[in-house]
PDB file of N, CA and C in Angstrom:
ATOM      1  N   UNK A   1      26.719  11.242 -22.145  1.00  0.00           N
ATOM      2  CA  UNK A   1      27.624  10.961 -23.237  1.00  0.00           C
ATOM      3  C   UNK A   1      28.975  11.589 -22.939  1.00  0.00           C
ATOM      4  N   UNK A   2      30.031  10.836 -23.111  1.00  0.00           N
ATOM      5  CA  UNK A   2      31.375  11.337 -22.857  1.00  0.00           C
ATOM      6  C   UNK A   2      31.850  12.204 -24.010  1.00  0.00           C
ATOM      7  N   UNK A   3      32.785  13.088 -23.706  1.00  0.00           N
ATOM      8  CA  UNK A   3      33.396  13.927 -24.734  1.00  0.00           C
ATOM      9  C   UNK A   3      34.002  13.043 -25.813  1.00  0.00           C
ATOM     10  N   UNK A   4      33.800  13.393 -27.073  1.00  0.00           N
ATOM     11  CA  UNK A   4      34.343  12.615 -28.176  1.00  0.00           C
ATOM     12  C   UNK A   4      33.360  11.600 -28.728  1.00  0.00           C
ATOM     13  N   UNK A   5      32.302  11.314 -27.973  1.00  0.00           N
ATOM     14  CA  UNK A   5      31.311  10.353 -28.435  1.00  0.00           C
ATOM     15  C   UNK A   5      30.442  10.896 -29.550  1.00  0.00           C
ATOM     16  N   UNK A   6      30.389  12.206 -29.712  1.00  0.00           N
ATOM     17  CA  UNK A   6      29.530  12.803 -30.735  1.00  0.00           C
ATOM     18  C   UNK A   6      29.904  12.306 -32.127  1.00  0.00           C
ATOM     19  N   UNK A   7      31.172  12.006 -32.358  1.00  0.00           N
ATOM     20  CA  UNK A   7      31.601  11.500 -33.663  1.00  0.00           C
ATOM     21  C   UNK A   7      31.023  10.117 -33.934  1.00  0.00           C
ATOM     22  N   UNK A   8      30.605   9.413 -32.903  1.00  0.00           N
ATOM     23  CA  UNK A   8      30.032   8.087 -33.053  1.00  0.00           C
ATOM     24  C   UNK A   8      28.526   8.119 -33.274  1.00  0.00           C
ATOM     25  N   UNK A   9      27.935   9.308 -33.298  1.00  0.00           N
ATOM     26  CA  UNK A   9      26.500   9.428 -33.520  1.00  0.00           C
ATOM     27  C   UNK A   9      26.215   9.572 -35.003  1.00  0.00           C
ATOM     28  N   UNK A  10      25.192   8.871 -35.463  1.00  0.00           N
ATOM     29  CA  UNK A  10      24.817   8.885 -36.872  1.00  0.00           C
ATOM     30  C   UNK A  10      23.401   9.412 -37.029  1.00  0.00           C
ATOM     31  N   UNK A  11      23.183  10.253 -38.047  1.00  0.00           N
ATOM     32  CA  UNK A  11      21.824  10.656 -38.361  1.00  0.00           C
ATOM     33  C   UNK A  11      21.220   9.602 -39.300  1.00  0.00           C
ATOM     34  N   UNK A  12      19.968   9.776 -39.667  1.00  0.00           N
ATOM     35  CA  UNK A  12      19.299   8.746 -40.455  1.00  0.00           C
ATOM     36  C   UNK A  12      19.926   8.552 -41.836  1.00  0.00           C
ATOM     37  N   UNK A  13      20.472   9.606 -42.426  1.00  0.00           N
ATOM     38  CA  UNK A  13      21.138   9.459 -43.722  1.00  0.00           C
ATOM     39  C   UNK A  13      22.400   8.599 -43.585  1.00  0.00           C
ATOM     40  N   UNK A  14      23.145   8.795 -42.507  1.00  0.00           N
ATOM     41  CA  UNK A  14      24.358   8.004 -42.276  1.00  0.00           C
ATOM     42  C   UNK A  14      24.022   6.554 -41.955  1.00  0.00           C
ATOM     43  N   UNK A  15      22.938   6.337 -41.210  1.00  0.00           N
ATOM     44  CA  UNK A  15      22.487   4.967 -40.933  1.00  0.00           C
ATOM     45  C   UNK A  15      22.095   4.293 -42.241  1.00  0.00           C
ATOM     46  N   UNK A  16      21.379   5.013 -43.098  1.00  0.00           N
ATOM     47  CA  UNK A  16      20.984   4.461 -44.398  1.00  0.00           C
ATOM     48  C   UNK A  16      22.217   4.060 -45.203  1.00  0.00           C
ATOM     49  N   UNK A  17      23.236   4.906 -45.232  1.00  0.00           N
ATOM     50  CA  UNK A  17      24.478   4.587 -45.951  1.00  0.00           C
ATOM     51  C   UNK A  17      25.138   3.342 -45.371  1.00  0.00           C
ATOM     52  N   UNK A  18      25.218   3.272 -44.060  1.00  0.00           N
ATOM     53  CA  UNK A  18      25.855   2.133 -43.397  1.00  0.00           C
ATOM     54  C   UNK A  18      25.141   0.824 -43.716  1.00  0.00           C
ATOM     55  N   UNK A  19      23.811   0.876 -43.758  1.00  0.00           N
ATOM     56  CA  UNK A  19      23.021  -0.336 -43.993  1.00  0.00           C
ATOM     57  C   UNK A  19      22.758  -0.596 -45.466  1.00  0.00           C
ATOM     58  N   UNK A  20      23.170   0.318 -46.339  1.00  0.00           N
ATOM     59  CA  UNK A  20      22.942   0.140 -47.769  1.00  0.00           C
ATOM     60  C   UNK A  20      21.488   0.358 -48.158  1.00  0.00           C
ATOM     61  N   UNK A  21      20.819   1.246 -47.436  1.00  0.00           N
ATOM     62  CA  UNK A  21      19.413   1.530 -47.722  1.00  0.00           C
ATOM     63  C   UNK A  21      19.292   2.702 -48.693  1.00  0.00           C
ATOM     64  N   UNK A  22      18.156   2.771 -49.374  1.00  0.00           N
ATOM     65  CA  UNK A  22      17.947   3.770 -50.414  1.00  0.00           C
ATOM     66  C   UNK A  22      17.874   5.199 -49.877  1.00  0.00           C
ATOM     67  N   UNK A  23      17.322   5.360 -48.684  1.00  0.00           N
ATOM     68  CA  UNK A  23      17.153   6.716 -48.173  1.00  0.00           C
ATOM     69  C   UNK A  23      16.974   6.725 -46.666  1.00  0.00           C
ATOM     70  N   UNK A  24      17.003   7.915 -46.108  1.00  0.00           N
ATOM     71  CA  UNK A  24      16.794   8.089 -44.675  1.00  0.00           C
ATOM     72  C   UNK A  24      15.384   7.687 -44.279  1.00  0.00           C
ATOM     73  N   UNK A  25      14.431   7.806 -45.185  1.00  0.00           N
ATOM     74  CA  UNK A  25      13.058   7.411 -44.873  1.00  0.00           C
ATOM     75  C   UNK A  25      12.956   5.919 -44.600  1.00  0.00           C
ATOM     76  N   UNK A  26      13.772   5.129 -45.288  1.00  0.00           N
ATOM     77  CA  UNK A  26      13.759   3.682 -45.080  1.00  0.00           C
ATOM     78  C   UNK A  26      14.242   3.339 -43.674  1.00  0.00           C
ATOM     79  N   UNK A  27      15.146   4.133 -43.130  1.00  0.00           N
ATOM     80  CA  UNK A  27      15.613   3.915 -41.754  1.00  0.00           C
ATOM     81  C   UNK A  27      14.434   4.016 -40.797  1.00  0.00           C
ATOM     82  N   UNK A  28      13.579   4.998 -40.993  1.00  0.00           N
ATOM     83  CA  UNK A  28      12.421   5.162 -40.112  1.00  0.00           C
ATOM     84  C   UNK A  28      11.442   3.996 -40.285  1.00  0.00           C
ATOM     85  N   UNK A  29      11.332   3.470 -41.488  1.00  0.00           N
ATOM     86  CA  UNK A  29      10.495   2.287 -41.722  1.00  0.00           C
ATOM     87  C   UNK A  29      11.082   1.097 -40.972  1.00  0.00           C
ATOM     88  N   UNK A  30      12.401   0.913 -41.065  1.00  0.00           N
ATOM     89  CA  UNK A  30      13.062  -0.173 -40.329  1.00  0.00           C
ATOM     90  C   UNK A  30      12.813  -0.037 -38.832  1.00  0.00           C
ATOM     91  N   UNK A  31      12.926   1.189 -38.321  1.00  0.00           N
ATOM     92  CA  UNK A  31      12.758   1.419 -36.880  1.00  0.00           C
ATOM     93  C   UNK A  31      11.364   1.002 -36.415  1.00  0.00           C
ATOM     94  N   UNK A  32      10.375   1.167 -37.277  1.00  0.00           N
ATOM     95  CA  UNK A  32       9.009   0.770 -36.930  1.00  0.00           C
ATOM     96  C   UNK A  32       8.760  -0.710 -37.194  1.00  0.00           C
ATOM     97  N   UNK A  33       9.344  -1.246 -38.246  1.00  0.00           N
ATOM     98  CA  UNK A  33       9.084  -2.625 -38.668  1.00  0.00           C
ATOM     99  C   UNK A  33       9.793  -3.658 -37.800  1.00  0.00           C
ATOM    100  N   UNK A  34      11.019  -3.360 -37.384  1.00  0.00           N
ATOM    101  CA  UNK A  34      11.827  -4.333 -36.647  1.00  0.00           C
ATOM    102  C   UNK A  34      11.909  -3.938 -35.174  1.00  0.00           C
ATOM    103  N   UNK A  35      11.251  -4.693 -34.307  1.00  0.00           N
ATOM    104  CA  UNK A  35      11.239  -4.336 -32.883  1.00  0.00           C
ATOM    105  C   UNK A  35      12.622  -4.342 -32.233  1.00  0.00           C
ATOM    106  N   UNK A  36      13.571  -5.085 -32.827  1.00  0.00           N
ATOM    107  CA  UNK A  36      14.913  -5.136 -32.253  1.00  0.00           C
ATOM    108  C   UNK A  36      15.849  -4.069 -32.831  1.00  0.00           C
ATOM    109  N   UNK A  37      15.338  -3.218 -33.731  1.00  0.00           N
ATOM    110  CA  UNK A  37      16.161  -2.141 -34.276  1.00  0.00           C
ATOM    111  C   UNK A  37      16.554  -1.213 -33.125  1.00  0.00           C
ATOM    112  N   UNK A  38      17.803  -0.802 -33.069  1.00  0.00           N
ATOM    113  CA  UNK A  38      18.258   0.025 -31.943  1.00  0.00           C
ATOM    114  C   UNK A  38      17.451   1.316 -31.802  1.00  0.00           C
ATOM    115  N   UNK A  39      17.155   1.651 -30.578  1.00  0.00           N
ATOM    116  CA  UNK A  39      16.477   2.913 -30.293  1.00  0.00           C
ATOM    117  C   UNK A  39      17.467   4.053 -30.499  1.00  0.00           C
ATOM    118  N   UNK A  40      16.996   5.188 -30.953  1.00  0.00           N
ATOM    119  CA  UNK A  40      17.899   6.331 -31.090  1.00  0.00           C
ATOM    120  C   UNK A  40      18.436   6.780 -29.732  1.00  0.00           C
ATOM    121  N   UNK A  41      19.635   7.292 -29.739  1.00  0.00           N
ATOM    122  CA  UNK A  41      20.245   7.847 -28.546  1.00  0.00           C
ATOM    123  C   UNK A  41      19.695   9.245 -28.295  1.00  0.00           C
ATOM    124  N   UNK A  42      19.463   9.973 -29.365  1.00  0.00           N
ATOM    125  CA  UNK A  42      18.882  11.313 -29.305  1.00  0.00           C
ATOM    126  C   UNK A  42      17.649  11.315 -30.188  1.00  0.00           C
ATOM    127  N   UNK A  43      16.537  11.789 -29.654  1.00  0.00           N
ATOM    128  CA  UNK A  43      15.302  11.866 -30.435  1.00  0.00           C
ATOM    129  C   UNK A  43      14.526  13.106 -29.993  1.00  0.00           C
ATOM    130  N   UNK A  44      14.907  14.238 -30.568  1.00  0.00           N
ATOM    131  CA  UNK A  44      14.288  15.522 -30.220  1.00  0.00           C
ATOM    132  C   UNK A  44      13.879  16.234 -31.504  1.00  0.00           C
ATOM    133  N   UNK A  45      12.613  16.552 -31.601  1.00  0.00           N
ATOM    134  CA  UNK A  45      12.081  17.279 -32.760  1.00  0.00           C
ATOM    135  C   UNK A  45      12.581  16.657 -34.058  1.00  0.00           C
ATOM    136  N   UNK A  46      13.404  17.370 -34.791  1.00  0.00           N
ATOM    137  CA  UNK A  46      13.913  16.870 -36.075  1.00  0.00           C
ATOM    138  C   UNK A  46      15.279  16.203 -35.961  1.00  0.00           C
ATOM    139  N   UNK A  47      15.761  16.017 -34.767  1.00  0.00           N
ATOM    140  CA  UNK A  47      17.088  15.448 -34.551  1.00  0.00           C
ATOM    141  C   UNK A  47      16.978  14.029 -33.989  1.00  0.00           C
ATOM    142  N   UNK A  48      17.263  13.058 -34.842  1.00  0.00           N
ATOM    143  CA  UNK A  48      17.279  11.662 -34.416  1.00  0.00           C
ATOM    144  C   UNK A  48      18.660  11.114 -34.723  1.00  0.00           C
ATOM    145  N   UNK A  49      19.336  10.624 -33.676  1.00  0.00           N
ATOM    146  CA  UNK A  49      20.704  10.126 -33.811  1.00  0.00           C
ATOM    147  C   UNK A  49      20.838   8.770 -33.142  1.00  0.00           C
ATOM    148  N   UNK A  50      21.604   7.887 -33.773  1.00  0.00           N
ATOM    149  CA  UNK A  50      21.882   6.561 -33.237  1.00  0.00           C
ATOM    150  C   UNK A  50      23.370   6.437 -32.986  1.00  0.00           C
ATOM    151  N   UNK A  51      23.732   5.571 -32.044  1.00  0.00           N
ATOM    152  CA  UNK A  51      25.144   5.243 -31.833  1.00  0.00           C
ATOM    153  C   UNK A  51      25.576   4.267 -32.922  1.00  0.00           C
ATOM    154  N   UNK A  52      26.712   4.555 -33.535  1.00  0.00           N
ATOM    155  CA  UNK A  52      27.247   3.708 -34.607  1.00  0.00           C
ATOM    156  C   UNK A  52      27.373   2.255 -34.150  1.00  0.00           C
ATOM    157  N   UNK A  53      27.892   2.041 -32.956  1.00  0.00           N
ATOM    158  CA  UNK A  53      28.090   0.688 -32.452  1.00  0.00           C
ATOM    159  C   UNK A  53      26.783  -0.087 -32.326  1.00  0.00           C
ATOM    160  N   UNK A  54      25.723   0.588 -31.898  1.00  0.00           N
ATOM    161  CA  UNK A  54      24.416  -0.074 -31.780  1.00  0.00           C
ATOM    162  C   UNK A  54      23.912  -0.523 -33.142  1.00  0.00           C
ATOM    163  N   UNK A  55      24.043   0.347 -34.138  1.00  0.00           N
ATOM    164  CA  UNK A  55      23.582   0.013 -35.493  1.00  0.00           C
ATOM    165  C   UNK A  55      24.439  -1.096 -36.085  1.00  0.00           C
ATOM    166  N   UNK A  56      25.752  -1.016 -35.903  1.00  0.00           N
ATOM    167  CA  UNK A  56      26.640  -2.049 -36.451  1.00  0.00           C
ATOM    168  C   UNK A  56      26.371  -3.409 -35.811  1.00  0.00           C
ATOM    169  N   UNK A  57      26.175  -3.454 -34.490  1.00  0.00           N
ATOM    170  CA  UNK A  57      25.870  -4.732 -33.821  1.00  0.00           C
ATOM    171  C   UNK A  57      24.563  -5.331 -34.348  1.00  0.00           C
ATOM    172  N   UNK A  58      23.540  -4.494 -34.486  1.00  0.00           N
ATOM    173  CA  UNK A  58      22.254  -4.953 -34.993  1.00  0.00           C
ATOM    174  C   UNK A  58      22.401  -5.456 -36.426  1.00  0.00           C
ATOM    175  N   UNK A  59      23.130  -4.706 -37.241  1.00  0.00           N
ATOM    176  CA  UNK A  59      23.301  -5.087 -38.646  1.00  0.00           C
ATOM    177  C   UNK A  59      24.054  -6.406 -38.772  1.00  0.00           C
ATOM    178  N   UNK A  60      25.076  -6.617 -37.957  1.00  0.00           N
ATOM    179  CA  UNK A  60      25.813  -7.896 -38.004  1.00  0.00           C
ATOM    180  C   UNK A  60      24.933  -9.046 -37.519  1.00  0.00           C
ATOM    181  N   UNK A  61      24.204  -8.819 -36.433  1.00  0.00           N
ATOM    182  CA  UNK A  61      23.355  -9.863 -35.849  1.00  0.00           C
ATOM    183  C   UNK A  61      22.243 -10.284 -36.796  1.00  0.00           C
ATOM    184  N   UNK A  62      21.810  -9.376 -37.655  1.00  0.00           N
ATOM    185  CA  UNK A  62      20.708  -9.671 -38.566  1.00  0.00           C
ATOM    186  C   UNK A  62      21.189  -9.963 -39.982  1.00  0.00           C
ATOM    187  N   UNK A  63      22.509 -10.015 -40.185  1.00  0.00           N
ATOM    188  CA  UNK A  63      23.071 -10.356 -41.485  1.00  0.00           C
ATOM    189  C   UNK A  63      23.006  -9.241 -42.518  1.00  0.00           C
ATOM    190  N   UNK A  64      22.792  -8.022 -42.080  1.00  0.00           N
ATOM    191  CA  UNK A  64      22.696  -6.910 -43.022  1.00  0.00           C
ATOM    192  C   UNK A  64      24.072  -6.353 -43.424  1.00  0.00           C
ATOM    193  N   UNK A  65      25.060  -6.574 -42.584  1.00  0.00           N
ATOM    194  CA  UNK A  65      26.441  -6.291 -42.958  1.00  0.00           C
ATOM    195  C   UNK A  65      27.274  -7.473 -42.495  1.00  0.00           C
ATOM    196  N   UNK A  66      28.388  -7.739 -43.167  1.00  0.00           N
ATOM    197  CA  UNK A  66      29.215  -8.881 -42.776  1.00  0.00           C
ATOM    198  C   UNK A  66      29.763  -8.733 -41.361  1.00  0.00           C
ATOM    199  N   UNK A  67      29.848  -9.852 -40.670  1.00  0.00           N
ATOM    200  CA  UNK A  67      30.368  -9.858 -39.298  1.00  0.00           C
ATOM    201  C   UNK A  67      31.834  -9.938 -39.310  1.00  0.00           C
TER     202      UNK A  67
END
């Protein structure tokens, strides 16, 4: 990861906000339910982070946010 990319990483609460989901727990349900849901960039112990661009591309492609 290049310097400055950390600002582009989202935790599950931020992903939930971006997708309009009720909670961070729903993000984990989505990750299991939808095989095309982006894999986390970081997944260590209690730290799961996704790249904003990956989530936004997936959300646009699936109609969850406007393109």
